[in-house]
Amino acid sequence: MKLQDILNTIPVLQVLGPLHKELSSLCFDSRQVGQGALFVAVKGVHTDGHLFIEKAISLGSEVILLQELPTEINPAITYIQVADSAKALGIAASNFYGNPSHDLKLVGVTGTNGKTTVATLLYQLFTALGYQVGLLSTVENKIGTDVIPATHTTPDPIQLNALLQQMVQAGCDYCFMEVSSHAVVQERIAGLHFVGGLFTNITHDHLDFHKTFDSYIKAKKQFFDQLGKSAFALTNVDDRNGAVMLQNTAAHKKTYGLTHLANFKAKVIESHFYGMLLAVDDHEVWVKLVGGFNAYNLLAVYGTAILLEQETDKVLTALSTITGAEGRFETVRAQTGVVGIIDYAHTPDAVDNVLKTIAGLRQQGQQIITVLGCGGDRDTTKRPEMAAVAVALSDRVILTSDNPRTEDPAQIIADMQAGVSVSQTRKVLSIADRKEAIRTAYQLANANDIILVAGKGHEKYQEINGVRHHFDDREVLELTFEEK
């Protein structure tokens, strides 16, 4: 591909060297550089790509896109200086893969909780409506029915545009993707064309990265600020920061909610462990998902479908058939009648939502036993808050490991214990071994009690000191139920 075509619409400060060059690949990782590659030097969180420019040149790159010129200029190399090489990488990747986001209807979903469920439900809904659909999510990426494992909530710009190009080639009409706050700040979505953006909610999370809650809000808002005039911006009006997302967007502003006046409204009429009856814009529909948080998720999906000009009756019929994302309020039943629930809840608000949903569904005399862990090398301030919520809304709580990563599990549990008052310690156990914690929860349970295993959801591993060991909450819970 011609270098000029890759640079299309990128604001270039200066060029040293010829522009008339053919390029075979695009890289920001010097280890992947080969002959004919354009190397983009990006200043990342952990390292600076400018440190690897000479390595990239030694491996065959003759074109370097960068922010800071080296002290010694190689006359055989073309240097392209830009103000923001991360943003330039996104635009270059889009150009390199033929701007695939322009050839399908791309909708981004952002927020703290619900992103995966909403994106997955949209994928299921539009598939049920007869379309070829792509999905980019925390759990998995899909191109039609083909599954591609996901490594990040939002892939890097090169992976992202390569996947979008494959979707276009496979005939996809739509793509629904999670847009993380990290991806927005790191310009991973630069150069993409969105027909719509959807906001679920915003609560305490990722302060290890964003440092302040205000910065976290601004990161989410930045996504909506970048939407074009022809796009729609759909926000949860019941969230106190929902209106903030719409303040500076040029997109068509739309809202959804259960309590406030909104363009799309819903109400929970009946709720059970196996589903609920909703009134959506005065239409009743039985759905297979449970809980007020899922009422919001389903309403967001419904609103998005209507804004994408789908027929109301067909949308509601399809909504009644879809099941949601893996590891989100998944239920497992033991022969003793004990109900096990696996959920990805890993923020104070998510734990609060899932436990309040369970409390609203339980029968008199049923205990709620919660198994809860917090991830290592992540926001430490939410640990005591999560524990405090779990203890307040459960009859028994077992604090355990999640993905400790490089931290000592005992220290993580100690951080969580700081949220437990002296009067509540009697109903709290601490068991670092997650498998043993789940087994203990079942040993404590009486017939028909409810066990919530929170934090990991769909994950099939436990990360300890850089090594991922196989671990599946659902698998452990099912085996435990068979043992007793």
Protein backbone atom coordinates (compact mmCIF):
# COMPACT_ATOMS: atom_id res chain seq x y z
CA MET A 1 0.00 0.00 0.00
CA LYS A 2 1.25 3.50 -0.82
CA LEU A 3 2.50 5.55 2.13
CA GLN A 4 0.46 8.58 1.02
CA ASP A 5 -2.73 6.52 1.26
CA ILE A 6 -1.90 5.33 4.78
CA LEU A 7 -1.30 8.94 5.87
CA ASN A 8 -4.64 10.18 4.52
CA THR A 9 -6.31 12.63 7.00
CA ILE A 10 -3.44 12.31 9.54
CA PRO A 11 -2.22 15.80 10.61
CA VAL A 12 1.50 15.64 9.80
CA LEU A 13 3.92 18.16 11.36
CA GLN A 14 6.87 17.42 9.08
CA VAL A 15 8.36 14.74 6.82
CA LEU A 16 12.03 13.91 6.45
CA GLY A 17 12.63 11.67 3.45
CA PRO A 18 10.63 10.52 0.40
CA LEU A 19 6.88 9.81 0.61
CA HIS A 20 6.74 7.64 -2.51
CA LYS A 21 7.12 4.28 -0.83
CA GLU A 22 5.17 1.03 -0.87
CA LEU A 23 4.45 -0.57 2.49
CA SER A 24 3.50 -4.16 3.27
CA SER A 25 2.54 -3.93 6.94
CA LEU A 26 1.85 -1.64 9.88
CA CYS A 27 3.42 -2.23 13.32
CA PHE A 28 3.80 -0.53 16.70
CA ASP A 29 5.57 -3.51 18.27
CA SER A 30 9.17 -3.62 17.02
CA ARG A 31 9.23 -7.42 17.48
CA GLN A 32 6.71 -7.73 14.62
CA VAL A 33 8.58 -5.53 12.16
CA GLY A 34 9.60 -7.01 8.82
CA GLN A 35 10.77 -5.73 5.47
CA GLY A 36 8.48 -3.00 4.15
CA ALA A 37 6.79 -2.28 7.51
CA LEU A 38 5.70 1.14 8.69
CA PHE A 39 6.73 1.36 12.35
CA VAL A 40 4.69 3.65 14.59
CA ALA A 41 6.51 4.77 17.75
CA VAL A 42 3.82 5.10 20.43
CA LYS A 43 4.37 6.33 23.97
CA GLY A 44 2.58 3.66 26.00
CA VAL A 45 1.76 3.19 29.67
CA HIS A 46 4.71 0.86 30.35
CA THR A 47 7.18 1.64 27.57
CA ASP A 48 7.97 4.15 24.83
CA GLY A 49 8.08 2.96 21.24
CA HIS A 50 10.62 5.66 20.43
CA LEU A 51 13.19 3.55 22.28
CA PHE A 52 12.83 0.80 19.65
CA ILE A 53 13.14 2.86 16.46
CA GLU A 54 16.67 1.65 15.71
CA LYS A 55 15.60 -1.96 16.29
CA ALA A 56 12.68 -1.48 13.86
CA ILE A 57 15.06 -0.06 11.25
CA SER A 58 17.47 -2.98 11.71
CA LEU A 59 14.57 -5.39 11.07
CA GLY A 60 13.63 -3.77 7.75
CA SER A 61 11.43 -0.75 8.42
CA GLU A 62 12.23 2.24 6.19
CA VAL A 63 9.35 4.46 7.36
CA ILE A 64 8.93 5.62 10.96
CA LEU A 65 5.89 7.54 12.22
CA LEU A 66 6.78 9.28 15.50
CA GLN A 67 6.26 12.21 17.85
CA GLU A 68 9.90 13.00 18.61
CA LEU A 69 12.65 12.92 16.00
CA PRO A 70 15.84 11.06 16.97
CA THR A 71 19.04 13.04 17.52
CA GLU A 72 20.67 11.24 14.58
CA ILE A 73 18.72 11.12 11.33
CA ASN A 74 19.29 8.15 9.02
CA PRO A 75 19.19 9.47 5.42
CA ALA A 76 17.83 6.14 4.14
CA ILE A 77 14.76 6.38 6.38
CA THR A 78 11.55 8.40 6.01
CA TYR A 79 10.51 10.05 9.28
CA ILE A 80 6.95 11.32 9.66
CA GLN A 81 6.44 13.52 12.72
CA VAL A 82 2.99 13.95 14.25
CA ALA A 83 1.68 15.51 17.46
CA ASP A 84 0.05 12.28 18.70
CA SER A 85 1.40 9.02 17.32
CA ALA A 86 -1.23 6.91 19.18
CA LYS A 87 -4.03 8.77 17.40
CA ALA A 88 -2.13 8.62 14.12
CA LEU A 89 -1.79 4.85 14.53
CA GLY A 90 -5.58 4.49 14.76
CA ILE A 91 -6.15 6.53 11.59
CA ALA A 92 -3.29 4.77 9.77
CA ALA A 93 -4.68 1.35 10.71
CA SER A 94 -8.12 2.32 9.46
CA ASN A 95 -6.65 3.54 6.17
CA PHE A 96 -4.40 0.47 5.82
CA TYR A 97 -7.38 -1.90 6.11
CA GLY A 98 -9.59 0.10 3.74
CA ASN A 99 -11.61 2.00 6.37
CA PRO A 100 -13.84 -1.01 7.14
CA SER A 101 -15.91 0.84 9.76
CA HIS A 102 -17.44 2.88 6.91
CA ASP A 103 -18.70 -0.32 5.25
CA LEU A 104 -20.83 -1.59 8.13
CA LYS A 105 -22.96 -0.05 10.86
CA LEU A 106 -20.68 0.16 13.89
CA VAL A 107 -22.19 0.84 17.34
CA GLY A 108 -20.03 1.41 20.42
CA VAL A 109 -21.14 0.52 23.95
CA THR A 110 -19.43 2.18 26.90
CA GLY A 111 -20.01 2.43 30.65
CA THR A 112 -18.76 0.72 33.82
CA ASN A 113 -21.24 -2.16 34.07
CA GLY A 114 -23.30 -3.85 31.38
CA LYS A 115 -21.05 -3.26 28.35
CA THR A 116 -20.49 -6.94 27.63
CA THR A 117 -24.12 -7.90 28.20
CA VAL A 118 -25.48 -5.07 26.03
CA ALA A 119 -23.04 -5.71 23.17
CA THR A 120 -23.75 -9.46 23.33
CA LEU A 121 -27.52 -8.93 23.45
CA LEU A 122 -27.30 -6.63 20.43
CA TYR A 123 -25.31 -9.29 18.58
CA GLN A 124 -27.91 -11.94 19.48
CA LEU A 125 -30.84 -9.67 18.65
CA PHE A 126 -29.64 -8.63 15.21
CA THR A 127 -28.60 -12.19 14.41
CA ALA A 128 -32.14 -13.28 15.32
CA LEU A 129 -33.46 -10.53 13.04
CA GLY A 130 -31.64 -12.18 10.15
CA TYR A 131 -28.51 -10.04 9.79
CA GLN A 132 -24.85 -11.00 9.56
CA VAL A 133 -23.34 -9.46 12.68
CA GLY A 134 -19.95 -8.85 14.23
CA LEU A 135 -19.19 -8.63 17.96
CA LEU A 136 -16.18 -7.18 19.78
CA SER A 137 -16.43 -7.84 23.51
CA THR A 138 -14.54 -8.71 26.68
CA VAL A 139 -15.70 -12.33 26.48
CA GLU A 140 -15.20 -13.04 22.77
CA ASN A 141 -15.10 -11.56 19.30
CA LYS A 142 -17.43 -12.92 16.64
CA ILE A 143 -17.62 -12.63 12.88
CA GLY A 144 -20.98 -14.10 12.04
CA THR A 145 -20.88 -17.44 13.85
CA ASP A 146 -17.08 -17.68 13.90
CA VAL A 147 -15.59 -17.10 17.35
CA ILE A 148 -12.25 -15.37 17.88
CA PRO A 149 -10.92 -15.29 21.47
CA ALA A 150 -10.74 -11.82 23.04
CA THR A 151 -7.63 -10.61 24.87
CA HIS A 152 -8.76 -7.07 25.67
CA THR A 153 -12.12 -5.29 26.03
CA THR A 154 -11.13 -3.17 23.02
CA PRO A 155 -8.30 -4.54 20.80
CA ASP A 156 -5.38 -2.38 19.64
CA PRO A 157 -6.07 -0.32 16.46
CA ILE A 158 -4.35 -2.77 14.11
CA GLN A 159 -6.16 -5.84 15.47
CA LEU A 160 -9.39 -3.87 15.61
CA ASN A 161 -9.34 -2.75 11.99
CA ALA A 162 -8.18 -6.20 10.82
CA LEU A 163 -11.22 -7.73 12.56
CA LEU A 164 -13.54 -5.10 11.09
CA GLN A 165 -12.13 -5.80 7.62
CA GLN A 166 -12.83 -9.53 8.10
CA MET A 167 -16.40 -8.65 9.11
CA VAL A 168 -16.88 -6.63 5.95
CA GLN A 169 -15.45 -9.46 3.84
CA ALA A 170 -17.81 -11.90 5.59
CA GLY A 171 -20.78 -9.74 4.65
CA CYS A 172 -21.58 -8.37 8.10
CA ASP A 173 -24.19 -5.61 8.19
CA TYR A 174 -23.57 -4.54 11.79
CA CYS A 175 -20.86 -4.65 14.42
CA PHE A 176 -21.46 -4.06 18.12
CA MET A 177 -18.38 -3.36 20.18
CA GLU A 178 -17.45 -2.55 23.75
CA VAL A 179 -15.55 0.69 24.06
CA SER A 180 -13.46 0.80 27.24
CA SER A 181 -12.30 4.02 28.87
CA HIS A 182 -8.71 2.83 28.39
CA ALA A 183 -9.32 2.47 24.65
CA VAL A 184 -10.71 6.00 24.37
CA VAL A 185 -7.79 7.61 26.23
CA GLN A 186 -5.23 5.50 24.36
CA GLU A 187 -6.82 6.43 20.99
CA ARG A 188 -7.50 2.81 20.04
CA ILE A 189 -10.76 3.87 18.36
CA ALA A 190 -9.23 6.79 16.43
CA GLY A 191 -10.20 6.70 12.75
CA LEU A 192 -13.35 4.59 13.29
CA HIS A 193 -16.76 5.66 12.02
CA PHE A 194 -19.58 4.95 14.49
CA VAL A 195 -23.27 5.16 13.55
CA GLY A 196 -24.15 5.22 17.26
CA GLY A 197 -22.88 5.24 20.81
CA LEU A 198 -24.57 3.81 23.89
CA PHE A 199 -23.91 4.64 27.57
CA THR A 200 -24.92 2.16 30.28
CA ASN A 201 -23.79 3.71 33.58
CA ILE A 202 -20.69 4.89 35.40
CA THR A 203 -19.55 3.79 38.85
CA HIS A 204 -16.32 3.33 40.81
CA ASP A 205 -13.73 1.49 38.68
CA HIS A 206 -10.32 1.78 36.98
CA LEU A 207 -9.02 4.53 39.28
CA ASP A 208 -5.65 2.76 39.16
CA PHE A 209 -5.47 3.96 35.55
CA HIS A 210 -7.51 7.18 35.50
CA LYS A 211 -6.45 8.32 39.02
CA THR A 212 -9.64 10.35 39.64
CA PHE A 213 -13.33 9.67 39.10
CA ASP A 214 -13.60 12.93 37.15
CA SER A 215 -10.93 11.73 34.68
CA TYR A 216 -12.80 8.44 34.33
CA ILE A 217 -16.04 10.28 33.49
CA LYS A 218 -14.21 12.48 30.97
CA ALA A 219 -12.77 9.40 29.27
CA LYS A 220 -16.26 7.97 28.77
CA LYS A 221 -17.59 11.34 27.63
CA GLN A 222 -14.77 11.72 25.09
CA PHE A 223 -16.27 8.85 23.09
CA PHE A 224 -19.57 10.72 22.70
CA ASP A 225 -17.78 14.01 21.97
CA GLN A 226 -16.24 12.32 18.92
CA LEU A 227 -19.51 11.06 17.39
CA GLY A 228 -20.60 12.66 14.12
CA LYS A 229 -23.80 14.56 13.32
CA SER A 230 -25.38 11.58 11.56
CA ALA A 231 -24.83 9.24 14.54
CA PHE A 232 -27.04 8.73 17.60
CA ALA A 233 -26.00 8.97 21.25
CA LEU A 234 -28.21 6.89 23.55
CA THR A 235 -27.73 7.38 27.29
CA ASN A 236 -29.15 6.03 30.54
CA VAL A 237 -31.06 9.03 31.90
CA ASP A 238 -31.44 7.37 35.33
CA ASP A 239 -27.66 7.45 35.84
CA ARG A 240 -26.59 10.75 37.39
CA ASN A 241 -23.83 11.14 34.79
CA GLY A 242 -25.98 10.04 31.87
CA ALA A 243 -26.76 13.60 30.80
CA VAL A 244 -23.07 14.53 31.05
CA MET A 245 -22.29 12.17 28.19
CA LEU A 246 -24.54 14.19 25.87
CA GLN A 247 -23.30 17.68 26.75
CA ASN A 248 -20.95 18.24 23.80
CA THR A 249 -21.91 15.56 21.32
CA ALA A 250 -22.97 16.47 17.79
CA ALA A 251 -24.94 13.21 17.54
CA HIS A 252 -28.73 12.88 17.86
CA LYS A 253 -29.40 12.75 21.61
CA LYS A 254 -31.69 9.98 22.89
CA THR A 255 -32.37 8.59 26.37
CA TYR A 256 -33.67 5.44 28.07
CA GLY A 257 -34.69 4.79 31.66
CA LEU A 258 -36.93 3.05 34.16
CA THR A 259 -37.65 5.98 36.47
CA HIS A 260 -37.12 9.28 34.65
CA LEU A 261 -38.81 10.69 31.56
CA ALA A 262 -37.04 9.20 28.53
CA ASN A 263 -37.39 8.38 24.85
CA PHE A 264 -37.47 4.68 25.71
CA LYS A 265 -39.15 3.47 28.92
CA ALA A 266 -39.50 0.13 30.69
CA LYS A 267 -40.95 -1.33 33.87
CA VAL A 268 -40.43 -4.69 35.58
CA ILE A 269 -43.86 -6.31 36.12
CA GLU A 270 -42.78 -9.76 37.37
CA SER A 271 -39.36 -11.21 38.20
CA HIS A 272 -38.21 -14.80 38.79
CA PHE A 273 -34.89 -16.69 38.77
CA TYR A 274 -35.66 -17.90 35.24
CA GLY A 275 -36.82 -14.61 33.70
CA MET A 276 -39.00 -11.53 34.03
CA LEU A 277 -41.98 -9.80 32.47
CA LEU A 278 -41.24 -6.29 31.19
CA ALA A 279 -43.40 -3.48 29.92
CA VAL A 280 -41.29 -1.82 27.22
CA ASP A 281 -42.85 1.34 25.80
CA ASP A 282 -46.27 -0.09 26.80
CA HIS A 283 -45.58 -3.46 25.14
CA GLU A 284 -45.34 -6.50 27.44
CA VAL A 285 -42.54 -8.98 26.76
CA TRP A 286 -41.26 -12.00 28.70
CA VAL A 287 -37.44 -12.20 28.71
CA LYS A 288 -34.98 -14.82 29.92
CA LEU A 289 -32.80 -12.39 31.86
CA VAL A 290 -33.29 -11.34 35.48
CA GLY A 291 -32.89 -8.19 37.56
CA GLY A 292 -33.32 -4.44 37.36
CA PHE A 293 -29.83 -4.05 35.87
CA ASN A 294 -30.83 -6.38 33.03
CA ALA A 295 -34.05 -4.40 32.54
CA TYR A 296 -31.75 -1.44 31.79
CA ASN A 297 -29.56 -3.58 29.52
CA LEU A 298 -32.55 -4.87 27.55
CA LEU A 299 -34.06 -1.40 27.28
CA ALA A 300 -30.77 -0.06 25.93
CA VAL A 301 -30.74 -2.86 23.35
CA TYR A 302 -34.36 -2.18 22.41
CA GLY A 303 -33.69 1.57 22.03
CA THR A 304 -30.63 0.93 19.88
CA ALA A 305 -32.58 -1.41 17.61
CA ILE A 306 -35.34 1.16 17.11
CA LEU A 307 -32.77 3.88 16.39
CA LEU A 308 -31.31 1.51 13.80
CA GLU A 309 -34.76 1.48 12.18
CA GLN A 310 -35.85 -2.03 13.13
CA GLU A 311 -39.54 -2.93 13.49
CA THR A 312 -40.87 -2.80 17.06
CA ASP A 313 -42.81 -6.09 16.96
CA LYS A 314 -39.90 -8.02 15.48
CA VAL A 315 -37.49 -6.53 18.02
CA LEU A 316 -39.69 -7.47 20.99
CA THR A 317 -40.22 -11.00 19.66
CA ALA A 318 -36.47 -11.46 19.26
CA LEU A 319 -35.79 -9.99 22.73
CA SER A 320 -37.89 -12.77 24.25
CA THR A 321 -35.53 -15.41 22.82
CA ILE A 322 -32.07 -14.09 23.70
CA THR A 323 -30.04 -15.20 26.71
CA GLY A 324 -27.27 -12.73 27.53
CA ALA A 325 -23.52 -12.97 27.98
CA GLU A 326 -21.59 -15.82 29.56
CA GLY A 327 -20.78 -15.31 33.23
CA ARG A 328 -23.49 -12.71 33.76
CA PHE A 329 -26.04 -13.95 36.34
CA GLU A 330 -25.62 -17.54 35.17
CA THR A 331 -27.48 -20.01 37.36
CA VAL A 332 -26.56 -23.57 38.37
CA ARG A 333 -28.86 -25.75 40.50
CA ALA A 334 -27.85 -28.53 42.86
CA GLN A 335 -30.02 -31.58 43.60
CA THR A 336 -30.38 -30.21 47.12
CA GLY A 337 -32.16 -27.18 45.70
CA VAL A 338 -29.25 -24.80 46.28
CA VAL A 339 -29.06 -22.14 43.55
CA GLY A 340 -25.59 -21.09 42.41
CA ILE A 341 -25.12 -17.83 40.55
CA ILE A 342 -21.94 -16.91 38.65
CA ASP A 343 -21.52 -13.22 37.92
CA TYR A 344 -18.72 -10.99 36.66
CA ALA A 345 -19.57 -8.30 39.25
CA HIS A 346 -16.22 -6.69 40.07
CA THR A 347 -17.20 -3.18 41.14
CA PRO A 348 -19.11 -2.03 44.24
CA ASP A 349 -22.11 -1.03 42.14
CA ALA A 350 -22.18 -4.32 40.22
CA VAL A 351 -22.02 -6.32 43.47
CA ASP A 352 -24.81 -4.16 44.87
CA ASN A 353 -26.97 -4.70 41.77
CA VAL A 354 -26.61 -8.46 41.64
CA LEU A 355 -27.18 -8.95 45.38
CA LYS A 356 -30.25 -6.70 45.40
CA THR A 357 -31.61 -8.68 42.47
CA ILE A 358 -31.07 -11.94 44.37
CA ALA A 359 -32.66 -10.44 47.50
CA GLY A 360 -35.73 -9.53 45.48
CA LEU A 361 -36.07 -13.08 44.17
CA ARG A 362 -35.34 -15.19 47.24
CA GLN A 363 -38.04 -16.88 49.27
CA GLN A 364 -38.47 -16.60 53.00
CA GLY A 365 -35.75 -18.50 54.86
CA GLN A 366 -33.29 -18.65 51.96
CA GLN A 367 -29.76 -17.54 52.89
CA ILE A 368 -27.54 -15.60 50.49
CA ILE A 369 -23.91 -16.77 50.71
CA THR A 370 -21.48 -14.65 48.71
CA VAL A 371 -18.00 -15.68 47.55
CA LEU A 372 -16.12 -12.51 46.59
CA GLY A 373 -12.61 -11.64 45.49
CA CYS A 374 -10.82 -8.58 44.09
CA GLY A 375 -8.19 -8.50 41.36
CA GLY A 376 -4.56 -7.74 42.09
CA ASP A 377 -2.59 -4.90 40.45
CA ARG A 378 -5.83 -2.96 40.01
CA ASP A 379 -7.76 -0.20 41.79
CA THR A 380 -7.27 -0.90 45.50
CA THR A 381 -9.77 1.70 46.73
CA LYS A 382 -12.78 -0.34 45.64
CA ARG A 383 -11.77 -3.43 47.65
CA PRO A 384 -13.22 -2.38 51.05
CA GLU A 385 -16.28 -0.92 49.28
CA MET A 386 -17.02 -4.22 47.52
CA ALA A 387 -16.66 -6.14 50.77
CA ALA A 388 -18.89 -3.67 52.62
CA VAL A 389 -21.64 -4.07 50.01
CA ALA A 390 -21.37 -7.87 50.06
CA VAL A 391 -21.56 -8.05 53.85
CA ALA A 392 -24.51 -5.65 54.03
CA LEU A 393 -26.56 -7.65 51.52
CA SER A 394 -25.55 -11.26 52.33
CA ASP A 395 -26.12 -13.64 55.21
CA ARG A 396 -22.61 -15.07 54.93
CA VAL A 397 -19.58 -13.81 52.98
CA ILE A 398 -16.38 -15.62 52.06
CA LEU A 399 -13.54 -13.30 50.99
CA THR A 400 -11.17 -15.02 48.58
CA SER A 401 -8.78 -14.59 45.64
CA ASP A 402 -9.80 -13.37 42.20
CA ASN A 403 -6.79 -12.85 39.90
CA PRO A 404 -4.08 -11.86 42.40
CA ARG A 405 -1.61 -11.27 39.57
CA THR A 406 1.62 -10.07 41.24
CA GLU A 407 0.04 -9.16 44.59
CA ASP A 408 -0.11 -11.26 47.75
CA PRO A 409 -3.68 -12.66 48.01
CA ALA A 410 -3.54 -12.21 51.78
CA GLN A 411 -2.96 -8.47 51.35
CA ILE A 412 -5.83 -8.16 48.88
CA ILE A 413 -8.14 -9.91 51.34
CA ALA A 414 -6.85 -7.65 54.14
CA ASP A 415 -7.76 -4.61 52.01
CA MET A 416 -11.26 -6.05 51.60
CA GLN A 417 -11.59 -6.76 55.31
CA ALA A 418 -11.10 -3.04 56.00
CA GLY A 419 -14.67 -2.59 54.72
CA VAL A 420 -16.11 -5.01 57.27
CA SER A 421 -17.25 -3.49 60.56
CA VAL A 422 -16.50 -5.20 63.87
CA SER A 423 -20.18 -6.08 64.32
CA GLN A 424 -20.22 -7.87 60.94
CA THR A 425 -17.06 -9.97 61.29
CA ARG A 426 -19.03 -12.92 62.67
CA LYS A 427 -20.57 -13.61 59.25
CA VAL A 428 -17.32 -13.27 57.26
CA LEU A 429 -14.73 -15.94 56.46
CA SER A 430 -11.45 -15.44 54.60
CA ILE A 431 -10.22 -18.32 52.43
CA ALA A 432 -7.51 -17.44 49.90
CA ASP A 433 -7.95 -20.64 47.85
CA ARG A 434 -10.86 -19.80 45.55
CA LYS A 435 -11.84 -23.43 44.94
CA GLU A 436 -11.90 -24.10 48.68
CA ALA A 437 -13.92 -20.91 49.22
CA ILE A 438 -16.59 -22.11 46.77
CA ARG A 439 -16.69 -25.55 48.39
CA THR A 440 -17.00 -23.99 51.84
CA ALA A 441 -19.92 -21.86 50.66
CA TYR A 442 -21.76 -25.03 49.65
CA GLN A 443 -20.94 -26.71 52.96
CA LEU A 444 -22.49 -23.73 54.75
CA ALA A 445 -25.61 -23.80 52.57
CA ASN A 446 -28.89 -25.35 53.56
CA ALA A 447 -31.35 -26.74 51.02
CA ASN A 448 -32.59 -24.03 48.65
CA ASP A 449 -30.04 -21.40 49.78
CA ILE A 450 -28.40 -19.15 47.20
CA ILE A 451 -24.66 -18.96 46.53
CA LEU A 452 -23.27 -16.01 44.57
CA VAL A 453 -19.77 -16.48 43.17
CA ALA A 454 -18.74 -13.01 42.05
CA GLY A 455 -15.83 -11.36 40.29
CA LYS A 456 -14.62 -13.64 37.49
CA GLY A 457 -17.75 -14.54 35.53
CA HIS A 458 -16.77 -15.78 32.06
CA GLU A 459 -13.03 -16.04 32.79
CA LYS A 460 -11.55 -19.52 32.49
CA TYR A 461 -8.31 -18.78 34.29
CA GLN A 462 -6.77 -17.45 37.49
CA GLU A 463 -3.69 -15.28 36.99
CA ILE A 464 -0.96 -15.71 39.62
CA ASN A 465 2.49 -14.11 39.24
CA GLY A 466 2.19 -13.78 35.47
CA VAL A 467 0.94 -17.35 34.91
CA ARG A 468 -2.65 -18.13 33.94
CA HIS A 469 -3.91 -21.33 35.55
CA HIS A 470 -7.13 -22.96 34.37
CA PHE A 471 -9.98 -21.94 36.65
CA ASP A 472 -13.68 -21.76 35.80
CA ASP A 473 -16.13 -20.66 38.52
CA ARG A 474 -19.02 -22.46 36.87
CA GLU A 475 -17.04 -25.66 36.46
CA VAL A 476 -15.92 -25.60 40.11
CA LEU A 477 -19.45 -24.87 41.31
CA GLU A 478 -20.98 -27.68 39.24
CA LEU A 479 -18.37 -30.20 40.44
CA THR A 480 -18.91 -29.05 44.03
CA PHE A 481 -22.67 -29.55 43.69
CA GLU A 482 -22.06 -33.11 42.46
CA GLU A 483 -19.74 -33.96 45.38
CA LYS A 484 -22.22 -33.37 48.20
